[in-house]
C-alpha atoms as a PDB file:
ATOM      1  CA  MET A   1     127.833  -8.195-205.022  1.00  0.00           C
ATOM      2  CA  LYS A   2     127.469  -9.718-201.514  1.00  0.00           C
ATOM      3  CA  GLN A   3     127.982 -13.222-200.613  1.00  0.00           C
ATOM      4  CA  LEU A   4     127.757 -15.021-197.555  1.00  0.00           C
ATOM      5  CA  LYS A   5     130.524 -17.969-196.902  1.00  0.00           C
ATOM      6  CA  LEU A   6     130.588 -20.528-193.930  1.00  0.00           C
ATOM      7  CA  SER A   7     133.875 -19.613-192.431  1.00  0.00           C
ATOM      8  CA  ASN A   8     133.808 -22.426-189.722  1.00  0.00           C
ATOM      9  CA  VAL A   9     132.114 -25.600-189.785  1.00  0.00           C
ATOM     10  CA  PRO A  10     130.667 -25.685-186.075  1.00  0.00           C
ATOM     11  CA  THR A  11     131.428 -28.554-183.785  1.00  0.00           C
ATOM     12  CA  GLY A  12     128.235 -27.507-181.391  1.00  0.00           C
ATOM     13  CA  ASN A  13     125.675 -25.001-181.771  1.00  0.00           C
ATOM     14  CA  LEU A  14     125.805 -22.896-184.914  1.00  0.00           C
ATOM     15  CA  LYS A  15     126.704 -19.204-184.433  1.00  0.00           C
ATOM     16  CA  LYS A  16     126.512 -15.975-186.752  1.00  0.00           C
ATOM     17  CA  THR A  17     130.220 -15.889-186.554  1.00  0.00           C
ATOM     18  CA  ASP A  18     130.324 -18.876-188.152  1.00  0.00           C
ATOM     19  CA  PHE A  19     129.491 -16.940-191.354  1.00  0.00           C
ATOM     20  CA  VAL A  20     131.272 -14.179-193.152  1.00  0.00           C
ATOM     21  CA  LEU A  21     129.816 -11.685-195.294  1.00  0.00           C
ATOM     22  CA  GLU A  22     131.959 -10.680-198.460  1.00  0.00           C
ATOM     23  CA  ASN A  23     131.642  -8.194-201.403  1.00  0.00           C
ATOM     24  CA  VAL A  24     132.997 -10.100-204.408  1.00  0.00           C
ATOM     25  CA  GLU A  25     132.868  -9.266-208.432  1.00  0.00           C
ATOM     26  CA  MET A  26     129.910 -10.815-209.638  1.00  0.00           C
ATOM     27  CA  PRO A  27     130.271 -14.365-211.471  1.00  0.00           C
ATOM     28  CA  GLN A  28     130.697 -14.811-215.086  1.00  0.00           C
ATOM     29  CA  ILE A  29     128.801 -17.966-216.598  1.00  0.00           C
ATOM     30  CA  GLY A  30     130.355 -20.935-218.701  1.00  0.00           C
ATOM     31  CA  ASP A  31     128.576 -23.143-221.086  1.00  0.00           C
ATOM     32  CA  GLY A  32     125.472 -24.520-219.888  1.00  0.00           C
ATOM     33  CA  GLU A  33     125.269 -22.123-217.277  1.00  0.00           C
ATOM     34  CA  VAL A  34     122.639 -19.433-216.546  1.00  0.00           C
ATOM     35  CA  LEU A  35     123.504 -15.986-214.522  1.00  0.00           C
ATOM     36  CA  VAL A  36     120.749 -15.363-212.057  1.00  0.00           C
ATOM     37  CA  LYS A  37     119.923 -12.657-209.601  1.00  0.00           C
ATOM     38  CA  ASN A  38     118.465 -14.315-206.426  1.00  0.00           C
ATOM     39  CA  ILE A  39     115.129 -12.880-205.413  1.00  0.00           C
ATOM     40  CA  LEU A  40     114.207 -14.873-202.466  1.00  0.00           C
ATOM     41  CA  LEU A  41     116.292 -17.573-200.269  1.00  0.00           C
ATOM     42  CA  SER A  42     114.830 -20.829-198.859  1.00  0.00           C
ATOM     43  CA  ILE A  43     115.796 -21.148-195.165  1.00  0.00           C
ATOM     44  CA  ASP A  44     115.504 -24.836-193.817  1.00  0.00           C
ATOM     45  CA  ALA A  45     116.748 -26.937-191.044  1.00  0.00           C
ATOM     46  CA  ALA A  46     118.584 -29.118-193.467  1.00  0.00           C
ATOM     47  CA  ASN A  47     120.982 -25.932-194.306  1.00  0.00           C
ATOM     48  CA  ARG A  48     122.319 -26.884-190.766  1.00  0.00           C
ATOM     49  CA  SER A  49     122.585 -30.649-191.315  1.00  0.00           C
ATOM     50  CA  TRP A  50     124.736 -30.255-194.733  1.00  0.00           C
ATOM     51  CA  MET A  51     127.553 -28.910-192.302  1.00  0.00           C
ATOM     52  CA  GLN A  52     127.563 -32.404-190.541  1.00  0.00           C
ATOM     53  CA  GLY A  53     128.530 -34.256-193.555  1.00  0.00           C
ATOM     54  CA  LYS A  54     127.312 -35.634-197.089  1.00  0.00           C
ATOM     55  CA  THR A  55     123.624 -36.524-197.103  1.00  0.00           C
ATOM     56  CA  TYR A  56     121.665 -36.505-200.279  1.00  0.00           C
ATOM     57  CA  ARG A  57     124.060 -33.576-201.308  1.00  0.00           C
ATOM     58  CA  ASP A  58     127.657 -32.883-200.701  1.00  0.00           C
ATOM     59  CA  ALA A  59     128.642 -31.655-197.134  1.00  0.00           C
ATOM     60  CA  VAL A  60     129.173 -27.796-196.879  1.00  0.00           C
ATOM     61  CA  ARG A  61     132.884 -26.956-195.966  1.00  0.00           C
ATOM     62  CA  ALA A  62     134.744 -24.071-194.425  1.00  0.00           C
ATOM     63  CA  GLY A  63     134.976 -21.510-197.280  1.00  0.00           C
ATOM     64  CA  ASP A  64     132.009 -22.825-199.441  1.00  0.00           C
ATOM     65  CA  ILE A  65     129.170 -20.359-200.209  1.00  0.00           C
ATOM     66  CA  MET A  66     126.097 -21.357-198.310  1.00  0.00           C
ATOM     67  CA  PRO A  67     123.752 -23.523-200.601  1.00  0.00           C
ATOM     68  CA  THR A  68     120.273 -22.967-200.615  1.00  0.00           C
ATOM     69  CA  TYR A  69     117.090 -23.469-202.778  1.00  0.00           C
ATOM     70  CA  ALA A  70     115.933 -19.977-204.197  1.00  0.00           C
ATOM     71  CA  ILE A  71     113.512 -18.090-206.562  1.00  0.00           C
ATOM     72  CA  ALA A  72     115.830 -16.213-208.986  1.00  0.00           C
ATOM     73  CA  GLU A  73     115.175 -13.771-212.186  1.00  0.00           C
ATOM     74  CA  VAL A  74     117.484 -14.875-215.176  1.00  0.00           C
ATOM     75  CA  VAL A  75     120.079 -12.359-216.108  1.00  0.00           C
ATOM     76  CA  GLU A  76     122.183 -14.115-218.850  1.00  0.00           C
ATOM     77  CA  SER A  77     121.674 -17.373-220.185  1.00  0.00           C
ATOM     78  CA  ASN A  78     124.018 -19.830-221.623  1.00  0.00           C
ATOM     79  CA  ASP A  79     120.799 -22.386-222.688  1.00  0.00           C
ATOM     80  CA  GLU A  80     118.146 -21.353-224.928  1.00  0.00           C
ATOM     81  CA  ARG A  81     115.533 -22.763-222.600  1.00  0.00           C
ATOM     82  CA  PHE A  82     116.284 -19.753-220.087  1.00  0.00           C
ATOM     83  CA  GLN A  83     115.845 -16.123-221.140  1.00  0.00           C
ATOM     84  CA  LYS A  84     116.250 -12.887-219.876  1.00  0.00           C
ATOM     85  CA  GLY A  85     113.835 -12.004-217.219  1.00  0.00           C
ATOM     86  CA  GLN A  86     112.568 -15.251-216.701  1.00  0.00           C
ATOM     87  CA  ILE A  87     111.780 -16.555-213.193  1.00  0.00           C
ATOM     88  CA  VAL A  88     113.064 -19.657-212.111  1.00  0.00           C
ATOM     89  CA  THR A  89     113.907 -22.211-208.895  1.00  0.00           C
ATOM     90  CA  GLY A  90     116.484 -24.301-208.452  1.00  0.00           C
ATOM     91  CA  ASP A  91     119.956 -24.919-206.362  1.00  0.00           C
ATOM     92  CA  SER A  92     121.475 -21.437-205.627  1.00  0.00           C
ATOM     93  CA  VAL A  93     123.821 -20.081-203.020  1.00  0.00           C
ATOM     94  CA  TRP A  94     123.349 -17.208-200.177  1.00  0.00           C
ATOM     95  CA  ALA A  95     124.814 -14.591-202.840  1.00  0.00           C
ATOM     96  CA  GLU A  96     122.833 -11.759-204.610  1.00  0.00           C
ATOM     97  CA  TYR A  97     123.849 -13.368-207.869  1.00  0.00           C
ATOM     98  CA  ALA A  98     124.770 -16.877-208.849  1.00  0.00           C
ATOM     99  CA  ALA A  99     126.249 -18.938-211.713  1.00  0.00           C
ATOM    100  CA  ILE A 100     124.132 -22.113-211.980  1.00  0.00           C
ATOM    101  CA  ASN A 101     124.243 -25.226-214.170  1.00  0.00           C
ATOM    102  CA  SER A 102     121.007 -24.848-216.246  1.00  0.00           C
ATOM    103  CA  LYS A 103     120.128 -28.616-215.286  1.00  0.00           C
ATOM    104  CA  LEU A 104     119.646 -27.136-211.677  1.00  0.00           C
ATOM    105  CA  LEU A 105     116.891 -24.671-212.728  1.00  0.00           C
ATOM    106  CA  THR A 106     113.230 -24.939-213.392  1.00  0.00           C
ATOM    107  CA  SER A 107     111.103 -22.316-214.834  1.00  0.00           C
ATOM    108  CA  CYS A 108     108.359 -21.033-212.399  1.00  0.00           C
ATOM    109  CA  PRO A 109     104.625 -21.061-212.853  1.00  0.00           C
ATOM    110  CA  ASN A 110     102.747 -17.784-212.978  1.00  0.00           C
ATOM    111  CA  ILE A 111     102.170 -17.409-209.309  1.00  0.00           C
ATOM    112  CA  LYS A 112     102.094 -14.356-207.350  1.00  0.00           C
ATOM    113  CA  PRO A 113     103.382 -13.468-204.833  1.00  0.00           C
ATOM    114  CA  LEU A 114     106.928 -14.879-205.819  1.00  0.00           C
ATOM    115  CA  SER A 115     106.943 -16.088-201.915  1.00  0.00           C
ATOM    116  CA  ASN A 116     104.180 -18.719-202.327  1.00  0.00           C
ATOM    117  CA  LEU A 117     106.555 -20.677-204.429  1.00  0.00           C
ATOM    118  CA  LEU A 118     108.632 -21.369-201.388  1.00  0.00           C
ATOM    119  CA  SER A 119     105.840 -21.788-199.443  1.00  0.00           C
ATOM    120  CA  LEU A 120     102.793 -23.825-200.052  1.00  0.00           C
ATOM    121  CA  TYR A 121     103.441 -24.489-203.524  1.00  0.00           C
ATOM    122  CA  GLY A 122     106.982 -24.943-203.337  1.00  0.00           C
ATOM    123  CA  ILE A 123     109.507 -26.942-201.198  1.00  0.00           C
ATOM    124  CA  ALA A 124     107.334 -26.511-197.667  1.00  0.00           C
ATOM    125  CA  GLY A 125     103.917 -27.512-199.227  1.00  0.00           C
ATOM    126  CA  LEU A 126     105.069 -30.251-201.456  1.00  0.00           C
ATOM    127  CA  THR A 127     106.900 -32.044-198.639  1.00  0.00           C
ATOM    128  CA  ALA A 128     103.899 -31.633-196.387  1.00  0.00           C
ATOM    129  CA  TYR A 129     101.451 -32.827-199.399  1.00  0.00           C
ATOM    130  CA  HIS A 130     103.848 -35.972-200.431  1.00  0.00           C
ATOM    131  CA  GLY A 131     104.394 -36.727-196.885  1.00  0.00           C
ATOM    132  CA  LEU A 132     101.101 -37.258-196.024  1.00  0.00           C
ATOM    133  CA  MET A 133      99.698 -38.611-199.426  1.00  0.00           C
ATOM    134  CA  ASN A 134     102.569 -40.836-200.988  1.00  0.00           C
ATOM    135  CA  VAL A 135     104.432 -41.459-197.697  1.00  0.00           C
ATOM    136  CA  GLY A 136     101.784 -41.660-195.016  1.00  0.00           C
ATOM    137  CA  LYS A 137      98.783 -43.025-197.314  1.00  0.00           C
ATOM    138  CA  LEU A 138      96.529 -40.661-195.317  1.00  0.00           C
ATOM    139  CA  LYS A 139      92.943 -41.735-194.839  1.00  0.00           C
ATOM    140  CA  LYS A 140      89.923 -39.925-194.014  1.00  0.00           C
ATOM    141  CA  GLY A 141      89.001 -39.898-190.185  1.00  0.00           C
ATOM    142  CA  GLU A 142      92.348 -40.873-188.939  1.00  0.00           C
ATOM    143  CA  THR A 143      94.361 -39.071-186.030  1.00  0.00           C
ATOM    144  CA  VAL A 144      97.437 -37.121-187.249  1.00  0.00           C
ATOM    145  CA  VAL A 145     100.359 -35.713-185.201  1.00  0.00           C
ATOM    146  CA  VAL A 146     102.959 -33.464-186.446  1.00  0.00           C
ATOM    147  CA  SER A 147     105.687 -32.135-184.844  1.00  0.00           C
ATOM    148  CA  ALA A 148     106.923 -28.535-185.270  1.00  0.00           C
ATOM    149  CA  ALA A 149     103.620 -27.556-185.805  1.00  0.00           C
ATOM    150  CA  GLY A 150     104.289 -24.051-186.499  1.00  0.00           C
ATOM    151  CA  GLY A 151     107.319 -24.442-188.809  1.00  0.00           C
ATOM    152  CA  SER A 152     107.668 -24.294-192.373  1.00  0.00           C
ATOM    153  CA  VAL A 153     106.243 -27.763-193.161  1.00  0.00           C
ATOM    154  CA  GLY A 154     104.300 -28.792-190.160  1.00  0.00           C
ATOM    155  CA  LEU A 155     101.769 -25.821-190.280  1.00  0.00           C
ATOM    156  CA  PHE A 156     100.676 -27.241-194.124  1.00  0.00           C
ATOM    157  CA  VAL A 157     100.817 -30.818-192.877  1.00  0.00           C
ATOM    158  CA  GLY A 158      98.086 -30.000-190.388  1.00  0.00           C
ATOM    159  CA  GLN A 159      96.038 -27.982-192.647  1.00  0.00           C
ATOM    160  CA  ILE A 160      96.218 -30.617-195.457  1.00  0.00           C
ATOM    161  CA  ALA A 161      95.155 -33.327-193.083  1.00  0.00           C
ATOM    162  CA  LYS A 162      92.306 -31.251-191.573  1.00  0.00           C
ATOM    163  CA  ALA A 163      91.049 -30.540-195.113  1.00  0.00           C
ATOM    164  CA  MET A 164      91.072 -34.479-195.762  1.00  0.00           C
ATOM    165  CA  GLY A 165      88.901 -35.055-192.702  1.00  0.00           C
ATOM    166  CA  CYS A 166      91.118 -36.020-190.078  1.00  0.00           C
ATOM    167  CA  ARG A 167      91.735 -35.286-186.653  1.00  0.00           C
ATOM    168  CA  VAL A 168      95.095 -33.091-186.240  1.00  0.00           C
ATOM    169  CA  VAL A 169      97.280 -32.647-183.198  1.00  0.00           C
ATOM    170  CA  GLY A 170     100.119 -30.455-183.527  1.00  0.00           C
ATOM    171  CA  ILE A 171     103.164 -30.460-181.084  1.00  0.00           C
ATOM    172  CA  ALA A 172     105.197 -27.153-180.908  1.00  0.00           C
ATOM    173  CA  GLY A 173     107.517 -25.305-178.544  1.00  0.00           C
ATOM    174  CA  SER A 174     105.417 -22.377-176.842  1.00  0.00           C
ATOM    175  CA  ASP A 175     102.179 -22.074-175.811  1.00  0.00           C
ATOM    176  CA  GLU A 176     102.032 -18.874-178.492  1.00  0.00           C
ATOM    177  CA  LYS A 177     102.571 -21.177-181.565  1.00  0.00           C
ATOM    178  CA  CYS A 178     100.058 -23.627-180.219  1.00  0.00           C
ATOM    179  CA  SER A 179      97.537 -21.235-179.650  1.00  0.00           C
ATOM    180  CA  ARG A 180      98.079 -19.920-183.309  1.00  0.00           C
ATOM    181  CA  VAL A 181      97.913 -23.284-185.066  1.00  0.00           C
ATOM    182  CA  VAL A 182      94.514 -23.786-183.476  1.00  0.00           C
ATOM    183  CA  LYS A 183      92.877 -20.611-183.645  1.00  0.00           C
ATOM    184  CA  GLU A 184      94.281 -19.493-186.988  1.00  0.00           C
ATOM    185  CA  LEU A 185      94.875 -23.003-188.999  1.00  0.00           C
ATOM    186  CA  ASN A 186      92.136 -25.097-187.687  1.00  0.00           C
ATOM    187  CA  PHE A 187      94.292 -27.784-185.933  1.00  0.00           C
ATOM    188  CA  ASP A 188      92.303 -29.810-183.266  1.00  0.00           C
ATOM    189  CA  SER A 189      94.663 -29.401-180.542  1.00  0.00           C
ATOM    190  CA  CYS A 190      98.307 -28.599-180.080  1.00  0.00           C
ATOM    191  CA  ILE A 191     100.454 -29.553-177.238  1.00  0.00           C
ATOM    192  CA  ASN A 192     103.525 -27.627-175.871  1.00  0.00           C
ATOM    193  CA  TYR A 193     106.305 -30.342-175.560  1.00  0.00           C
ATOM    194  CA  LYS A 194     108.052 -28.001-173.057  1.00  0.00           C
ATOM    195  CA  SER A 195     105.576 -28.690-170.512  1.00  0.00           C
ATOM    196  CA  GLY A 196     107.131 -31.898-169.472  1.00  0.00           C
ATOM    197  CA  THR A 197     103.788 -33.716-169.796  1.00  0.00           C
ATOM    198  CA  LEU A 198     104.115 -34.918-173.381  1.00  0.00           C
ATOM    199  CA  LEU A 199     102.776 -38.540-173.059  1.00  0.00           C
ATOM    200  CA  LYS A 200      99.885 -37.555-170.622  1.00  0.00           C
ATOM    201  CA  ASP A 201      98.932 -34.733-173.225  1.00  0.00           C
ATOM    202  CA  LEU A 202      99.051 -37.032-176.009  1.00  0.00           C
ATOM    203  CA  LYS A 203      96.600 -39.709-174.026  1.00  0.00           C
ATOM    204  CA  THR A 204      94.309 -36.769-173.963  1.00  0.00           C
ATOM    205  CA  GLU A 205      94.596 -35.331-177.325  1.00  0.00           C
ATOM    206  CA  CYS A 206      94.919 -38.727-178.885  1.00  0.00           C
ATOM    207  CA  PRO A 207      92.231 -40.819-176.916  1.00  0.00           C
ATOM    208  CA  ASP A 208      92.258 -43.282-180.004  1.00  0.00           C
ATOM    209  CA  GLY A 209      95.733 -43.624-180.668  1.00  0.00           C
ATOM    210  CA  ILE A 210      97.847 -42.097-183.372  1.00  0.00           C
ATOM    211  CA  ASP A 211      97.484 -43.136-187.083  1.00  0.00           C
ATOM    212  CA  ILE A 212     100.174 -40.999-188.846  1.00  0.00           C
ATOM    213  CA  TYR A 213     103.096 -39.260-187.058  1.00  0.00           C
ATOM    214  CA  PHE A 214     104.569 -36.560-189.478  1.00  0.00           C
ATOM    215  CA  ASP A 215     108.043 -36.283-187.753  1.00  0.00           C
ATOM    216  CA  ASN A 216     110.379 -32.907-188.251  1.00  0.00           C
ATOM    217  CA  VAL A 217     112.338 -33.239-185.013  1.00  0.00           C
ATOM    218  CA  GLY A 218     113.450 -36.682-184.187  1.00  0.00           C
ATOM    219  CA  GLY A 219     114.894 -37.592-180.841  1.00  0.00           C
ATOM    220  CA  SER A 220     112.997 -37.755-177.744  1.00  0.00           C
ATOM    221  CA  ILE A 221     109.747 -36.313-179.063  1.00  0.00           C
ATOM    222  CA  LEU A 222     109.974 -39.081-181.534  1.00  0.00           C
ATOM    223  CA  GLU A 223     110.332 -41.627-178.744  1.00  0.00           C
ATOM    224  CA  VAL A 224     107.456 -40.269-176.882  1.00  0.00           C
ATOM    225  CA  VAL A 225     104.803 -40.785-179.695  1.00  0.00           C
ATOM    226  CA  LEU A 226     105.882 -44.028-180.761  1.00  0.00           C
ATOM    227  CA  PHE A 227     104.039 -44.973-177.558  1.00  0.00           C
ATOM    228  CA  ARG A 228     100.770 -43.813-178.599  1.00  0.00           C
ATOM    229  CA  MET A 229     100.813 -44.946-182.180  1.00  0.00           C
ATOM    230  CA  ASN A 230      98.025 -47.409-182.893  1.00  0.00           C
ATOM    231  CA  MET A 231      98.708 -50.769-184.390  1.00  0.00           C
ATOM    232  CA  ARG A 232      99.972 -50.416-188.288  1.00  0.00           C
ATOM    233  CA  GLY A 233     100.478 -46.737-187.778  1.00  0.00           C
ATOM    234  CA  ARG A 234     103.110 -45.042-190.346  1.00  0.00           C
ATOM    235  CA  VAL A 235     105.791 -42.593-189.055  1.00  0.00           C
ATOM    236  CA  VAL A 236     106.484 -40.118-192.011  1.00  0.00           C
ATOM    237  CA  CYS A 237     110.452 -39.024-191.205  1.00  0.00           C
ATOM    238  CA  CYS A 238     110.716 -35.576-192.838  1.00  0.00           C
ATOM    239  CA  GLY A 239     113.484 -34.257-190.447  1.00  0.00           C
ATOM    240  CA  ALA A 240     115.163 -34.124-187.531  1.00  0.00           C
ATOM    241  CA  VAL A 241     115.871 -30.885-186.228  1.00  0.00           C
ATOM    242  CA  SER A 242     116.365 -31.456-182.458  1.00  0.00           C
ATOM    243  CA  GLN A 243     119.623 -33.365-183.866  1.00  0.00           C
ATOM    244  CA  TYR A 244     120.937 -31.015-186.156  1.00  0.00           C
ATOM    245  CA  ASP A 245     122.306 -28.171-183.943  1.00  0.00           C
ATOM    246  CA  GLY A 246     124.767 -29.564-180.996  1.00  0.00           C
ATOM    247  CA  THR A 247     127.335 -32.154-180.177  1.00  0.00           C
ATOM    248  CA  ALA A 248     124.961 -35.102-178.672  1.00  0.00           C
ATOM    249  CA  PRO A 249     122.299 -36.091-180.709  1.00  0.00           C
ATOM    250  CA  THR A 250     120.115 -38.684-179.194  1.00  0.00           C
ATOM    251  CA  GLY A 251     117.861 -40.970-180.826  1.00  0.00           C
ATOM    252  CA  PRO A 252     114.510 -43.066-179.382  1.00  0.00           C
ATOM    253  CA  ARG A 253     115.482 -45.598-177.025  1.00  0.00           C
ATOM    254  CA  ASN A 254     112.281 -47.661-178.217  1.00  0.00           C
ATOM    255  CA  LEU A 255     113.410 -48.650-181.859  1.00  0.00           C
ATOM    256  CA  PRO A 256     113.340 -51.371-183.255  1.00  0.00           C
ATOM    257  CA  GLY A 257     111.171 -52.508-180.219  1.00  0.00           C
ATOM    258  CA  LEU A 258     107.834 -50.702-180.607  1.00  0.00           C
ATOM    259  CA  LEU A 259     108.200 -51.159-184.636  1.00  0.00           C
ATOM    260  CA  ILE A 260     107.994 -54.496-184.141  1.00  0.00           C
ATOM    261  CA  VAL A 261     105.095 -54.862-181.455  1.00  0.00           C
ATOM    262  CA  LYS A 262     103.054 -52.298-183.058  1.00  0.00           C
ATOM    263  CA  ARG A 263     103.919 -53.326-186.661  1.00  0.00           C
ATOM    264  CA  LEU A 264     104.435 -49.713-187.432  1.00  0.00           C
ATOM    265  CA  LYS A 265     105.733 -48.559-190.464  1.00  0.00           C
ATOM    266  CA  MET A 266     108.706 -46.078-190.670  1.00  0.00           C
ATOM    267  CA  GLU A 267     109.623 -44.059-194.022  1.00  0.00           C
ATOM    268  CA  GLY A 268     111.926 -41.335-194.666  1.00  0.00           C
ATOM    269  CA  PHE A 269     111.616 -39.303-198.034  1.00  0.00           C
ATOM    270  CA  ILE A 270     112.993 -35.885-199.519  1.00  0.00           C
ATOM    271  CA  VAL A 271     110.653 -33.905-201.462  1.00  0.00           C
ATOM    272  CA  MET A 272     112.473 -34.731-204.798  1.00  0.00           C
ATOM    273  CA  ASP A 273     111.402 -38.397-204.523  1.00  0.00           C
ATOM    274  CA  PHE A 274     108.045 -36.938-206.340  1.00  0.00           C
ATOM    275  CA  VAL A 275     108.829 -34.619-208.756  1.00  0.00           C
ATOM    276  CA  LYS A 276     106.332 -36.407-211.199  1.00  0.00           C
ATOM    277  CA  ASP A 277     103.580 -35.620-208.444  1.00  0.00           C
ATOM    278  CA  HIS A 278     104.516 -32.032-208.043  1.00  0.00           C
ATOM    279  CA  LEU A 279     101.844 -30.673-210.507  1.00  0.00           C
ATOM    280  CA  SER A 280      98.977 -32.680-209.384  1.00  0.00           C
ATOM    281  CA  ALA A 281      99.846 -31.977-205.611  1.00  0.00           C
ATOM    282  CA  ILE A 282     100.078 -28.235-206.604  1.00  0.00           C
ATOM    283  CA  LYS A 283      96.655 -28.454-208.548  1.00  0.00           C
ATOM    284  CA  HIS A 284      95.089 -30.165-205.463  1.00  0.00           C
ATOM    285  CA  MET A 285      96.524 -27.523-203.044  1.00  0.00           C
ATOM    286  CA  SER A 286      95.228 -24.562-205.039  1.00  0.00           C
ATOM    287  CA  GLU A 287      92.091 -25.883-204.744  1.00  0.00           C
ATOM    288  CA  LEU A 288      92.351 -26.385-201.221  1.00  0.00           C
ATOM    289  CA  GLN A 289      93.553 -22.855-200.765  1.00  0.00           C
ATOM    290  CA  ALA A 290      90.793 -21.577-202.820  1.00  0.00           C
ATOM    291  CA  GLU A 291      88.083 -23.085-200.608  1.00  0.00           C
ATOM    292  CA  GLY A 292      89.773 -21.332-197.543  1.00  0.00           C
ATOM    293  CA  LYS A 293      90.936 -24.663-196.237  1.00  0.00           C
ATOM    294  CA  ILE A 294      94.641 -23.651-196.532  1.00  0.00           C
ATOM    295  CA  LYS A 295      96.267 -20.244-195.310  1.00  0.00           C
ATOM    296  CA  ILE A 296      99.834 -19.161-196.129  1.00  0.00           C
ATOM    297  CA  ILE A 297     102.119 -18.451-193.524  1.00  0.00           C
ATOM    298  CA  GLU A 298     105.546 -17.120-194.404  1.00  0.00           C
ATOM    299  CA  ASP A 299     108.364 -15.827-192.281  1.00  0.00           C
ATOM    300  CA  ILE A 300     110.513 -13.573-194.408  1.00  0.00           C
ATOM    301  CA  THR A 301     113.641 -11.859-193.219  1.00  0.00           C
ATOM    302  CA  GLU A 302     114.749  -8.676-195.162  1.00  0.00           C
ATOM    303  CA  GLY A 303     118.406  -8.530-196.691  1.00  0.00           C
ATOM    304  CA  ILE A 304     120.773 -11.409-197.375  1.00  0.00           C
ATOM    305  CA  GLU A 305     123.135 -10.068-194.780  1.00  0.00           C
ATOM    306  CA  ASN A 306     120.576 -11.583-192.436  1.00  0.00           C
ATOM    307  CA  ALA A 307     120.292 -14.873-193.713  1.00  0.00           C
ATOM    308  CA  PRO A 308     122.531 -16.220-190.603  1.00  0.00           C
ATOM    309  CA  ASP A 309     119.796 -14.569-188.350  1.00  0.00           C
ATOM    310  CA  ALA A 310     117.209 -16.511-189.908  1.00  0.00           C
ATOM    311  CA  LEU A 311     118.739 -19.599-189.839  1.00  0.00           C
ATOM    312  CA  LEU A 312     119.628 -19.370-186.324  1.00  0.00           C
ATOM    313  CA  LYS A 313     115.986 -18.384-185.504  1.00  0.00           C
ATOM    314  CA  LEU A 314     114.679 -21.507-187.203  1.00  0.00           C
ATOM    315  CA  LEU A 315     117.040 -23.734-185.419  1.00  0.00           C
ATOM    316  CA  SER A 316     115.749 -22.302-182.219  1.00  0.00           C
ATOM    317  CA  GLY A 317     111.844 -22.660-182.944  1.00  0.00           C
ATOM    318  CA  GLY A 318     111.343 -18.711-183.438  1.00  0.00           C
ATOM    319  CA  ASN A 319     109.988 -18.951-186.784  1.00  0.00           C
ATOM    320  CA  TYR A 320     106.215 -19.192-187.476  1.00  0.00           C
ATOM    321  CA  GLY A 321     105.453 -20.311-191.129  1.00  0.00           C
ATOM    322  CA  LYS A 322     107.920 -20.810-193.946  1.00  0.00           C
ATOM    323  CA  SER A 323     111.338 -19.457-193.385  1.00  0.00           C
ATOM    324  CA  MET A 324     112.874 -17.360-196.247  1.00  0.00           C
ATOM    325  CA  VAL A 325     115.052 -14.439-196.579  1.00  0.00           C
ATOM    326  CA  ARG A 326     114.037 -11.518-199.322  1.00  0.00           C
ATOM    327  CA  VAL A 327     116.989 -10.438-201.348  1.00  0.00           C
ATOM    328  CA  CYS A 328     115.407  -8.004-203.481  1.00  0.00           C
ATOM    329  CA  PRO A 329     111.990  -7.185-204.545  1.00  0.00           C
ATOM    330  CA  ASP A 330     109.814  -9.154-206.876  1.00  0.00           C
ATOM    331  CA  PRO A 331     110.079  -7.946-210.355  1.00  0.00           C
ATOM    332  CA  SER A 332     107.216  -5.765-211.503  1.00  0.00           C
END
């Protein structure tokens, strides 16, 4: 089978040559393990952050098979809860097959196509939903700003907030993305941060200030947005993609000053903090989708050998929608 290892931990920007594609024997499973055939691999900015050191999971080191979240089919099982042919989600690796501790796997609901289990009904959609509802405490009529608006999470944040009766302003890195989220996803507005006039544009598009900022990027964009936050506004910290790839990360210079002056609440989270609420979130999002209030946008790269390209594309802001890699077709 094919697998991809991190051959070198980058000290600067990630490069395709930091990975090596290998042909190896298929893994054998031990007690409590399940052999799965990967179908779809989730590509996330977190993949890059794991190379920088231990986070909520162990650091990825040189020689490690690149970890990922995946949709997979059970091939062989040493756990009676999982049967051959069953579709599961869980922690896997960049490989065609993987031997996984059954404790890390979850049986999938009957949702087709399977890619939707990584987008709206998976990591991306659930992150958007829990971040807005459980962390941001979204209220009808508020103004919500989201960065990386055309990315895996951002486009669902905007659509959910809009469906809940809020004014939604996106921030993205190109005029094309800005145009698409407004025309295709019903955002009220979207600002190209590369214009160099972000603060001025935020004043124009958010004349009554910002109640919730859903932050996917950190750095200088977070710094600027804080100036436009309303008193007792909430900053939902989901990611910091601007800080992951490179050697000179920068933080907002107006912290903690503006948090104190504006009495802001800033809270970080990861999607697994709200596992107990997943089913209710999926039910609500499926209702919104059925009503035509949420569109599913996916950016699927074909072939496991192209996983590094997909990650580099995401880190440079080239993706539109939930990024993933297809290893093999959905089972018929």
